[in-house]
C-alpha atoms as a PDB file:
ATOM      1  CA  MET A   1      71.403 -49.124  61.535  1.00  0.00           C
ATOM      2  CA  MET A   2      71.908 -45.386  61.454  1.00  0.00           C
ATOM      3  CA  ASN A   3      69.276 -42.711  62.015  1.00  0.00           C
ATOM      4  CA  GLN A   4      69.395 -39.284  60.442  1.00  0.00           C
ATOM      5  CA  TYR A   5      69.394 -36.595  63.105  1.00  0.00           C
ATOM      6  CA  ARG A   6      69.101 -32.839  62.758  1.00  0.00           C
ATOM      7  CA  ILE A   7      71.132 -30.790  65.202  1.00  0.00           C
ATOM      8  CA  TYR A   8      70.309 -27.110  65.642  1.00  0.00           C
ATOM      9  CA  VAL A   9      72.781 -24.853  67.440  1.00  0.00           C
ATOM     10  CA  LEU A  10      70.913 -21.854  68.852  1.00  0.00           C
ATOM     11  CA  ASN A  11      71.998 -18.338  69.756  1.00  0.00           C
ATOM     12  CA  ARG A  12      70.879 -16.311  72.790  1.00  0.00           C
ATOM     13  CA  GLN A  13      67.674 -15.293  70.985  1.00  0.00           C
ATOM     14  CA  ASP A  14      66.794 -18.999  70.498  1.00  0.00           C
ATOM     15  CA  ARG A  15      67.347 -18.622  66.757  1.00  0.00           C
ATOM     16  CA  ILE A  16      69.231 -21.177  64.709  1.00  0.00           C
ATOM     17  CA  ALA A  17      72.894 -20.183  64.415  1.00  0.00           C
ATOM     18  CA  ASP A  18      73.932 -23.427  62.703  1.00  0.00           C
ATOM     19  CA  ALA A  19      72.258 -26.644  61.545  1.00  0.00           C
ATOM     20  CA  LEU A  20      73.613 -30.055  60.688  1.00  0.00           C
ATOM     21  CA  GLU A  21      72.110 -33.315  59.455  1.00  0.00           C
ATOM     22  CA  GLU A  22      74.091 -36.375  60.396  1.00  0.00           C
ATOM     23  CA  ASP A  23      73.641 -40.150  60.392  1.00  0.00           C
ATOM     24  CA  LEU A  24      74.311 -41.476  63.884  1.00  0.00           C
ATOM     25  CA  PRO A  25      73.650 -44.850  65.528  1.00  0.00           C
ATOM     26  CA  ASN A  26      71.485 -43.692  68.458  1.00  0.00           C
ATOM     27  CA  ASP A  27      70.099 -40.812  70.528  1.00  0.00           C
ATOM     28  CA  ARG A  28      73.022 -40.829  72.947  1.00  0.00           C
ATOM     29  CA  ARG A  29      75.565 -40.314  70.162  1.00  0.00           C
ATOM     30  CA  ALA A  30      73.411 -37.559  68.658  1.00  0.00           C
ATOM     31  CA  LEU A  31      73.275 -35.740  71.997  1.00  0.00           C
ATOM     32  CA  GLU A  32      77.037 -36.118  72.425  1.00  0.00           C
ATOM     33  CA  ARG A  33      77.589 -34.681  68.944  1.00  0.00           C
ATOM     34  CA  ALA A  34      75.266 -31.757  69.712  1.00  0.00           C
ATOM     35  CA  GLU A  35      77.148 -31.046  72.924  1.00  0.00           C
ATOM     36  CA  ALA A  36      80.442 -30.891  71.017  1.00  0.00           C
ATOM     37  CA  LEU A  37      78.950 -28.636  68.330  1.00  0.00           C
ATOM     38  CA  SER A  38      77.295 -26.223  70.756  1.00  0.00           C
ATOM     39  CA  ALA A  39      80.403 -25.458  72.834  1.00  0.00           C
ATOM     40  CA  GLY A  40      80.381 -21.729  73.492  1.00  0.00           C
ATOM     41  CA  GLN A  41      76.875 -21.256  72.112  1.00  0.00           C
ATOM     42  CA  TYR A  42      73.580 -20.840  73.973  1.00  0.00           C
ATOM     43  CA  ALA A  43      71.853 -24.176  73.369  1.00  0.00           C
ATOM     44  CA  ALA A  44      71.394 -27.047  70.943  1.00  0.00           C
ATOM     45  CA  GLU A  45      68.417 -29.191  69.980  1.00  0.00           C
ATOM     46  CA  VAL A  46      68.531 -32.683  68.520  1.00  0.00           C
ATOM     47  CA  TRP A  47      65.687 -33.920  66.339  1.00  0.00           C
ATOM     48  CA  ASP A  48      64.925 -37.334  64.864  1.00  0.00           C
ATOM     49  CA  GLY A  49      62.243 -36.550  62.296  1.00  0.00           C
ATOM     50  CA  GLU A  50      59.452 -34.810  64.217  1.00  0.00           C
ATOM     51  CA  ARG A  51      60.644 -36.157  67.582  1.00  0.00           C
ATOM     52  CA  LEU A  52      62.632 -33.853  69.837  1.00  0.00           C
ATOM     53  CA  VAL A  53      65.374 -36.082  71.221  1.00  0.00           C
ATOM     54  CA  GLY A  54      66.668 -33.438  73.605  1.00  0.00           C
ATOM     55  CA  ARG A  55      67.789 -29.915  74.282  1.00  0.00           C
ATOM     56  CA  LEU A  56      71.159 -29.050  75.783  1.00  0.00           C
ATOM     57  CA  GLY A  57      71.847 -25.796  77.608  1.00  0.00           C
ATOM     58  CA  GLY A  58      69.769 -22.653  77.618  1.00  0.00           C
ATOM     59  CA  GLU A  59      66.359 -22.398  79.188  1.00  0.00           C
ATOM     60  CA  LEU A  60      63.489 -23.071  76.762  1.00  0.00           C
ATOM     61  CA  ARG A  61      61.267 -19.987  76.499  1.00  0.00           C
ATOM     62  CA  LEU A  62      58.016 -20.031  74.570  1.00  0.00           C
ATOM     63  CA  GLY A  63      56.463 -16.846  73.284  1.00  0.00           C
END
């Protein structure tokens, strides 16, 4: 069974530089895909619906 994940590639200002929706089998594969997509960028976030699966790279700053 596949889950639909949203992957957001972020720039240095923590703004979305690119977004992708992709069906993947599990969280690990989604994080691997995000890592490949975010090469050379600031950070990437992986979401499964309203659940944040993980954030790669870049320090999270609120406010």
